[in-house]
C-alpha atoms as a PDB file:
ATOM      1  CA  UNK A   1     -55.347  -5.221  -5.680  1.00  0.00           C
ATOM      2  CA  UNK A   2     -52.006  -6.104  -7.318  1.00  0.00           C
ATOM      3  CA  UNK A   3     -48.687  -6.090  -5.431  1.00  0.00           C
ATOM      4  CA  UNK A   4     -47.671  -3.098  -7.549  1.00  0.00           C
ATOM      5  CA  UNK A   5     -50.704  -1.135  -6.455  1.00  0.00           C
ATOM      6  CA  UNK A   6     -50.000  -2.170  -2.843  1.00  0.00           C
ATOM      7  CA  UNK A   7     -46.504  -0.855  -3.285  1.00  0.00           C
ATOM      8  CA  UNK A   8     -47.837   2.516  -4.421  1.00  0.00           C
ATOM      9  CA  UNK A   9     -50.161   2.670  -1.334  1.00  0.00           C
ATOM     10  CA  UNK A  10     -47.260   1.747   0.999  1.00  0.00           C
ATOM     11  CA  UNK A  11     -45.113   4.379  -0.545  1.00  0.00           C
ATOM     12  CA  UNK A  12     -47.808   7.058   0.091  1.00  0.00           C
ATOM     13  CA  UNK A  13     -48.358   5.950   3.624  1.00  0.00           C
ATOM     14  CA  UNK A  14     -44.511   5.988   4.280  1.00  0.00           C
ATOM     15  CA  UNK A  15     -44.336   9.499   2.890  1.00  0.00           C
ATOM     16  CA  UNK A  16     -47.217  10.638   5.093  1.00  0.00           C
ATOM     17  CA  UNK A  17     -45.903   9.102   8.242  1.00  0.00           C
ATOM     18  CA  UNK A  18     -42.323  10.512   7.367  1.00  0.00           C
ATOM     19  CA  UNK A  19     -40.761   7.027   7.728  1.00  0.00           C
ATOM     20  CA  UNK A  20     -37.562   7.794   5.752  1.00  0.00           C
ATOM     21  CA  UNK A  21     -35.958   4.382   5.928  1.00  0.00           C
ATOM     22  CA  UNK A  22     -39.101   2.459   4.908  1.00  0.00           C
ATOM     23  CA  UNK A  23     -39.644   5.028   2.212  1.00  0.00           C
ATOM     24  CA  UNK A  24     -36.177   4.578   0.890  1.00  0.00           C
ATOM     25  CA  UNK A  25     -36.591   0.796   0.676  1.00  0.00           C
ATOM     26  CA  UNK A  26     -39.935   1.000  -1.048  1.00  0.00           C
ATOM     27  CA  UNK A  27     -38.487   3.476  -3.609  1.00  0.00           C
ATOM     28  CA  UNK A  28     -35.705   0.981  -4.373  1.00  0.00           C
ATOM     29  CA  UNK A  29     -38.303  -1.716  -4.909  1.00  0.00           C
ATOM     30  CA  UNK A  30     -40.423   0.562  -7.177  1.00  0.00           C
ATOM     31  CA  UNK A  31     -37.338   1.491  -9.179  1.00  0.00           C
ATOM     32  CA  UNK A  32     -36.407  -2.168  -9.677  1.00  0.00           C
ATOM     33  CA  UNK A  33     -39.980  -2.836 -10.780  1.00  0.00           C
ATOM     34  CA  UNK A  34     -39.806   0.007 -13.218  1.00  0.00           C
ATOM     35  CA  UNK A  35     -36.605  -1.308 -14.750  1.00  0.00           C
ATOM     36  CA  UNK A  36     -38.266  -4.820 -15.079  1.00  0.00           C
ATOM     37  CA  UNK A  37     -41.262  -3.309 -16.755  1.00  0.00           C
ATOM     38  CA  UNK A  38     -39.044  -1.561 -19.304  1.00  0.00           C
ATOM     39  CA  UNK A  39     -37.027  -4.755 -19.889  1.00  0.00           C
ATOM     40  CA  UNK A  40     -40.288  -6.743 -20.420  1.00  0.00           C
ATOM     41  CA  UNK A  41     -41.985  -3.934 -22.357  1.00  0.00           C
ATOM     42  CA  UNK A  42     -45.123  -4.094 -20.297  1.00  0.00           C
ATOM     43  CA  UNK A  43     -47.339  -1.673 -18.429  1.00  0.00           C
ATOM     44  CA  UNK A  44     -47.974  -3.865 -15.303  1.00  0.00           C
ATOM     45  CA  UNK A  45     -45.945  -6.713 -13.773  1.00  0.00           C
ATOM     46  CA  UNK A  46     -47.853  -9.844 -12.843  1.00  0.00           C
ATOM     47  CA  UNK A  47     -47.874 -10.609  -9.123  1.00  0.00           C
ATOM     48  CA  UNK A  48     -45.633 -13.703  -9.856  1.00  0.00           C
ATOM     49  CA  UNK A  49     -43.119 -11.422 -11.570  1.00  0.00           C
ATOM     50  CA  UNK A  50     -43.254  -8.887  -8.767  1.00  0.00           C
ATOM     51  CA  UNK A  51     -42.649 -11.664  -6.150  1.00  0.00           C
ATOM     52  CA  UNK A  52     -39.730 -12.988  -8.163  1.00  0.00           C
ATOM     53  CA  UNK A  53     -38.298  -9.417  -8.365  1.00  0.00           C
ATOM     54  CA  UNK A  54     -38.759  -8.955  -4.555  1.00  0.00           C
ATOM     55  CA  UNK A  55     -37.019 -12.222  -3.862  1.00  0.00           C
ATOM     56  CA  UNK A  56     -34.030 -11.095  -5.994  1.00  0.00           C
ATOM     57  CA  UNK A  57     -33.915  -7.809  -4.046  1.00  0.00           C
ATOM     58  CA  UNK A  58     -33.993  -9.737  -0.694  1.00  0.00           C
ATOM     59  CA  UNK A  59     -31.262 -12.006  -1.877  1.00  0.00           C
ATOM     60  CA  UNK A  60     -29.061  -9.004  -2.724  1.00  0.00           C
ATOM     61  CA  UNK A  61     -29.687  -7.649   0.763  1.00  0.00           C
ATOM     62  CA  UNK A  62     -28.799 -10.957   2.403  1.00  0.00           C
ATOM     63  CA  UNK A  63     -25.647 -11.166   0.385  1.00  0.00           C
ATOM     64  CA  UNK A  64     -24.810  -7.688   1.515  1.00  0.00           C
ATOM     65  CA  UNK A  65     -25.515  -8.508   5.188  1.00  0.00           C
ATOM     66  CA  UNK A  66     -23.108 -11.429   4.876  1.00  0.00           C
ATOM     67  CA  UNK A  67     -20.373  -9.237   3.417  1.00  0.00           C
ATOM     68  CA  UNK A  68     -20.886  -6.442   5.919  1.00  0.00           C
ATOM     69  CA  UNK A  69     -20.617  -8.895   8.847  1.00  0.00           C
ATOM     70  CA  UNK A  70     -17.441 -10.345   7.472  1.00  0.00           C
ATOM     71  CA  UNK A  71     -16.048  -6.839   7.006  1.00  0.00           C
ATOM     72  CA  UNK A  72     -16.825  -5.797  10.494  1.00  0.00           C
ATOM     73  CA  UNK A  73     -19.640  -3.306   9.648  1.00  0.00           C
ATOM     74  CA  UNK A  74     -22.557  -4.264  11.910  1.00  0.00           C
ATOM     75  CA  UNK A  75     -24.327  -0.959  11.536  1.00  0.00           C
ATOM     76  CA  UNK A  76     -24.585  -1.403   7.679  1.00  0.00           C
ATOM     77  CA  UNK A  77     -25.654  -5.029   8.187  1.00  0.00           C
ATOM     78  CA  UNK A  78     -28.456  -3.898  10.450  1.00  0.00           C
ATOM     79  CA  UNK A  79     -29.685  -1.387   7.901  1.00  0.00           C
ATOM     80  CA  UNK A  80     -29.802  -4.216   5.269  1.00  0.00           C
ATOM     81  CA  UNK A  81     -31.680  -6.439   7.775  1.00  0.00           C
ATOM     82  CA  UNK A  82     -34.294  -3.713   8.217  1.00  0.00           C
ATOM     83  CA  UNK A  83     -34.651  -3.412   4.520  1.00  0.00           C
ATOM     84  CA  UNK A  84     -35.200  -7.206   4.181  1.00  0.00           C
ATOM     85  CA  UNK A  85     -37.940  -6.876   6.731  1.00  0.00           C
ATOM     86  CA  UNK A  86     -39.740  -4.176   4.698  1.00  0.00           C
ATOM     87  CA  UNK A  87     -39.352  -6.178   1.460  1.00  0.00           C
ATOM     88  CA  UNK A  88     -40.644  -9.415   3.047  1.00  0.00           C
ATOM     89  CA  UNK A  89     -44.013  -7.752   3.441  1.00  0.00           C
ATOM     90  CA  UNK A  90     -44.542  -8.155  -0.272  1.00  0.00           C
ATOM     91  CA  UNK A  91     -43.865 -11.894  -0.348  1.00  0.00           C
ATOM     92  CA  UNK A  92     -46.634 -14.487   0.063  1.00  0.00           C
ATOM     93  CA  UNK A  93     -46.725 -16.406   3.304  1.00  0.00           C
ATOM     94  CA  UNK A  94     -43.969 -18.992   3.477  1.00  0.00           C
ATOM     95  CA  UNK A  95     -44.824 -22.654   2.867  1.00  0.00           C
ATOM     96  CA  UNK A  96     -44.386 -24.751   6.047  1.00  0.00           C
ATOM     97  CA  UNK A  97     -41.413 -27.215   5.979  1.00  0.00           C
ATOM     98  CA  UNK A  98     -43.606 -30.354   6.232  1.00  0.00           C
ATOM     99  CA  UNK A  99     -45.796 -29.266   3.280  1.00  0.00           C
ATOM    100  CA  UNK A 100     -42.631 -28.512   1.199  1.00  0.00           C
ATOM    101  CA  UNK A 101     -41.201 -31.929   1.973  1.00  0.00           C
ATOM    102  CA  UNK A 102     -44.487 -33.602   0.874  1.00  0.00           C
ATOM    103  CA  UNK A 103     -44.619 -31.498  -2.309  1.00  0.00           C
ATOM    104  CA  UNK A 104     -40.989 -32.456  -3.169  1.00  0.00           C
ATOM    105  CA  UNK A 105     -41.655 -36.150  -2.554  1.00  0.00           C
ATOM    106  CA  UNK A 106     -44.758 -36.038  -4.803  1.00  0.00           C
ATOM    107  CA  UNK A 107     -42.798 -34.212  -7.492  1.00  0.00           C
ATOM    108  CA  UNK A 108     -39.981 -36.682  -7.356  1.00  0.00           C
ATOM    109  CA  UNK A 109     -42.459 -39.530  -7.810  1.00  0.00           C
ATOM    110  CA  UNK A 110     -44.285 -37.706 -10.677  1.00  0.00           C
ATOM    111  CA  UNK A 111     -41.072 -37.149 -12.504  1.00  0.00           C
ATOM    112  CA  UNK A 112     -39.656 -40.467 -11.697  1.00  0.00           C
ATOM    113  CA  UNK A 113     -36.341 -39.008 -10.506  1.00  0.00           C
ATOM    114  CA  UNK A 114     -33.951 -41.574  -9.136  1.00  0.00           C
ATOM    115  CA  UNK A 115     -30.707 -39.802  -8.417  1.00  0.00           C
ATOM    116  CA  UNK A 116     -29.084 -36.499  -7.569  1.00  0.00           C
ATOM    117  CA  UNK A 117     -28.254 -36.049 -11.229  1.00  0.00           C
ATOM    118  CA  UNK A 118     -31.971 -35.140 -11.810  1.00  0.00           C
ATOM    119  CA  UNK A 119     -32.109 -32.440  -9.205  1.00  0.00           C
ATOM    120  CA  UNK A 120     -32.289 -29.534 -11.561  1.00  0.00           C
ATOM    121  CA  UNK A 121     -35.595 -30.418 -13.339  1.00  0.00           C
ATOM    122  CA  UNK A 122     -37.145 -31.444  -9.962  1.00  0.00           C
ATOM    123  CA  UNK A 123     -36.180 -28.072  -8.287  1.00  0.00           C
ATOM    124  CA  UNK A 124     -37.616 -26.229 -11.304  1.00  0.00           C
ATOM    125  CA  UNK A 125     -40.924 -28.133 -11.029  1.00  0.00           C
ATOM    126  CA  UNK A 126     -41.102 -27.560  -7.264  1.00  0.00           C
ATOM    127  CA  UNK A 127     -40.378 -23.806  -7.686  1.00  0.00           C
ATOM    128  CA  UNK A 128     -43.289 -23.599 -10.157  1.00  0.00           C
ATOM    129  CA  UNK A 129     -45.589 -25.247  -7.729  1.00  0.00           C
ATOM    130  CA  UNK A 130     -44.675 -23.232  -4.653  1.00  0.00           C
ATOM    131  CA  UNK A 131     -44.866 -19.902  -6.631  1.00  0.00           C
ATOM    132  CA  UNK A 132     -42.591 -17.836  -4.515  1.00  0.00           C
ATOM    133  CA  UNK A 133     -43.525 -19.257  -1.100  1.00  0.00           C
ATOM    134  CA  UNK A 134     -40.033 -20.749  -0.541  1.00  0.00           C
ATOM    135  CA  UNK A 135     -36.571 -19.645  -1.606  1.00  0.00           C
ATOM    136  CA  UNK A 136     -34.375 -21.529  -3.978  1.00  0.00           C
ATOM    137  CA  UNK A 137     -31.878 -22.552  -1.150  1.00  0.00           C
ATOM    138  CA  UNK A 138     -34.664 -24.255   0.913  1.00  0.00           C
ATOM    139  CA  UNK A 139     -36.191 -25.964  -2.066  1.00  0.00           C
ATOM    140  CA  UNK A 140     -32.734 -27.217  -3.108  1.00  0.00           C
ATOM    141  CA  UNK A 141     -32.054 -28.641   0.328  1.00  0.00           C
ATOM    142  CA  UNK A 142     -35.392 -30.306   0.419  1.00  0.00           C
ATOM    143  CA  UNK A 143     -34.817 -31.915  -3.045  1.00  0.00           C
ATOM    144  CA  UNK A 144     -31.333 -33.058  -2.091  1.00  0.00           C
ATOM    145  CA  UNK A 145     -32.744 -34.665   1.005  1.00  0.00           C
ATOM    146  CA  UNK A 146     -35.553 -36.447  -0.911  1.00  0.00           C
ATOM    147  CA  UNK A 147     -33.291 -37.885  -3.682  1.00  0.00           C
ATOM    148  CA  UNK A 148     -30.907 -40.771  -2.945  1.00  0.00           C
END
Protein backbone atom coordinates (compact mmCIF):
# COMPACT_ATOMS: atom_id res chain seq x y z
CA UNK A 1 0.00 0.00 0.00
CA UNK A 2 1.45 3.35 -1.02
CA UNK A 3 1.39 6.34 1.30
CA UNK A 4 -1.19 8.05 -0.93
CA UNK A 5 -3.51 5.05 -0.61
CA UNK A 6 -2.96 5.11 3.14
CA UNK A 7 -3.86 8.82 3.14
CA UNK A 8 -7.15 8.02 1.39
CA UNK A 9 -7.95 5.36 4.00
CA UNK A 10 -7.06 7.71 6.86
CA UNK A 11 -9.31 10.38 5.34
CA UNK A 12 -12.19 7.92 5.17
CA UNK A 13 -11.73 6.77 8.77
CA UNK A 14 -11.50 10.40 9.98
CA UNK A 15 -14.79 11.16 8.19
CA UNK A 16 -16.49 8.13 9.71
CA UNK A 17 -15.25 8.95 13.21
CA UNK A 18 -16.21 12.62 12.73
CA UNK A 19 -12.72 13.76 13.81
CA UNK A 20 -12.87 17.25 12.26
CA UNK A 21 -9.39 18.41 13.20
CA UNK A 22 -7.66 15.27 11.88
CA UNK A 23 -9.84 15.37 8.75
CA UNK A 24 -8.87 18.98 8.09
CA UNK A 25 -5.15 18.19 8.36
CA UNK A 26 -5.44 15.15 6.12
CA UNK A 27 -7.34 17.18 3.52
CA UNK A 28 -4.56 19.78 3.52
CA UNK A 29 -2.01 17.02 2.89
CA UNK A 30 -4.15 15.52 0.12
CA UNK A 31 -4.47 18.92 -1.51
CA UNK A 32 -0.70 19.50 -1.38
CA UNK A 33 -0.17 16.04 -2.89
CA UNK A 34 -2.64 16.88 -5.66
CA UNK A 35 -0.81 20.09 -6.51
CA UNK A 36 2.50 18.21 -6.61
CA UNK A 37 0.99 15.58 -8.92
CA UNK A 38 -0.18 18.33 -11.28
CA UNK A 39 3.23 19.98 -11.13
CA UNK A 40 5.01 16.71 -11.92
CA UNK A 41 2.35 15.64 -14.43
CA UNK A 42 1.96 12.22 -12.85
CA UNK A 43 -0.92 10.02 -11.72
CA UNK A 44 0.70 8.75 -8.53
CA UNK A 45 3.48 10.15 -6.35
CA UNK A 46 6.26 7.82 -5.29
CA UNK A 47 6.56 7.20 -1.56
CA UNK A 48 9.83 9.20 -1.53
CA UNK A 49 8.08 12.20 -3.12
CA UNK A 50 5.19 11.86 -0.68
CA UNK A 51 7.57 11.73 2.31
CA UNK A 52 9.39 14.81 1.00
CA UNK A 53 6.07 16.63 0.62
CA UNK A 54 5.02 15.65 4.13
CA UNK A 55 8.31 16.92 5.52
CA UNK A 56 7.77 20.27 3.80
CA UNK A 57 4.28 20.52 5.28
CA UNK A 58 5.64 19.70 8.75
CA UNK A 59 8.34 22.35 8.35
CA UNK A 60 5.66 24.92 7.47
CA UNK A 61 3.77 24.00 10.64
CA UNK A 62 6.89 24.22 12.81
CA UNK A 63 7.70 27.65 11.40
CA UNK A 64 4.13 28.73 12.13
CA UNK A 65 4.39 27.37 15.69
CA UNK A 66 7.50 29.48 16.24
CA UNK A 67 5.79 32.59 14.89
CA UNK A 68 2.63 32.05 16.93
CA UNK A 69 4.63 31.56 20.12
CA UNK A 70 6.59 34.77 19.45
CA UNK A 71 3.31 36.57 18.75
CA UNK A 72 1.69 35.40 21.98
CA UNK A 73 -0.89 33.12 20.34
CA UNK A 74 -0.49 29.79 22.20
CA UNK A 75 -3.90 28.47 21.09
CA UNK A 76 -2.89 28.70 17.42
CA UNK A 77 0.52 27.18 18.19
CA UNK A 78 -1.23 24.24 19.87
CA UNK A 79 -3.42 23.70 16.80
CA UNK A 80 -0.31 23.61 14.59
CA UNK A 81 1.37 21.17 16.99
CA UNK A 82 -1.62 18.82 16.70
CA UNK A 83 -1.40 19.06 12.89
CA UNK A 84 2.32 18.15 13.04
CA UNK A 85 1.41 15.07 15.12
CA UNK A 86 -1.07 13.94 12.45
CA UNK A 87 1.38 14.58 9.60
CA UNK A 88 4.22 12.73 11.34
CA UNK A 89 2.25 9.48 11.08
CA UNK A 90 3.08 9.51 7.34
CA UNK A 91 6.83 9.73 7.87
CA UNK A 92 9.08 6.68 8.16
CA UNK A 93 10.50 5.90 11.58
CA UNK A 94 13.28 8.34 12.49
CA UNK A 95 16.88 7.14 12.28
CA UNK A 96 18.61 6.86 15.69
CA UNK A 97 21.25 9.55 16.39
CA UNK A 98 24.09 7.02 16.71
CA UNK A 99 23.22 5.42 13.39
CA UNK A 100 23.06 8.85 11.73
CA UNK A 101 26.50 9.75 13.13
CA UNK A 102 28.00 6.51 11.77
CA UNK A 103 26.37 7.11 8.38
CA UNK A 104 27.73 10.67 8.26
CA UNK A 105 31.25 9.51 9.18
CA UNK A 106 31.14 6.82 6.51
CA UNK A 107 29.91 9.31 3.90
CA UNK A 108 32.63 11.82 4.83
CA UNK A 109 35.26 9.09 4.37
CA UNK A 110 33.72 7.93 1.07
CA UNK A 111 33.72 11.44 -0.34
CA UNK A 112 37.09 12.38 1.14
CA UNK A 113 35.68 15.57 2.61
CA UNK A 114 38.27 17.42 4.66
CA UNK A 115 36.70 20.73 5.65
CA UNK A 116 33.45 22.51 6.35
CA UNK A 117 33.61 23.94 2.82
CA UNK A 118 32.53 20.53 1.53
CA UNK A 119 29.43 20.28 3.74
CA UNK A 120 26.87 20.75 0.94
CA UNK A 121 27.72 17.66 -1.12
CA UNK A 122 28.09 15.56 2.05
CA UNK A 123 24.66 16.67 3.32
CA UNK A 124 23.06 15.82 -0.05
CA UNK A 125 24.67 12.37 -0.03
CA UNK A 126 23.51 11.69 3.53
CA UNK A 127 19.97 12.89 2.74
CA UNK A 128 19.83 10.44 -0.16
CA UNK A 129 20.93 7.59 2.12
CA UNK A 130 18.51 8.30 4.99
CA UNK A 131 15.55 8.77 2.60
CA UNK A 132 13.38 10.98 4.77
CA UNK A 133 14.19 9.36 8.11
CA UNK A 134 15.92 12.53 9.38
CA UNK A 135 15.27 16.21 8.77
CA UNK A 136 17.74 18.55 7.11
CA UNK A 137 18.58 20.44 10.30
CA UNK A 138 19.60 17.24 12.10
CA UNK A 139 21.66 16.04 9.16
CA UNK A 140 23.37 19.42 8.82
CA UNK A 141 24.30 19.44 12.52
CA UNK A 142 25.69 15.90 12.31
CA UNK A 143 27.77 16.75 9.23
CA UNK A 144 29.07 19.96 10.83
CA UNK A 145 30.11 17.95 13.88
CA UNK A 146 31.89 15.30 11.76
CA UNK A 147 33.85 17.75 9.60
CA UNK A 148 36.84 19.62 11.09
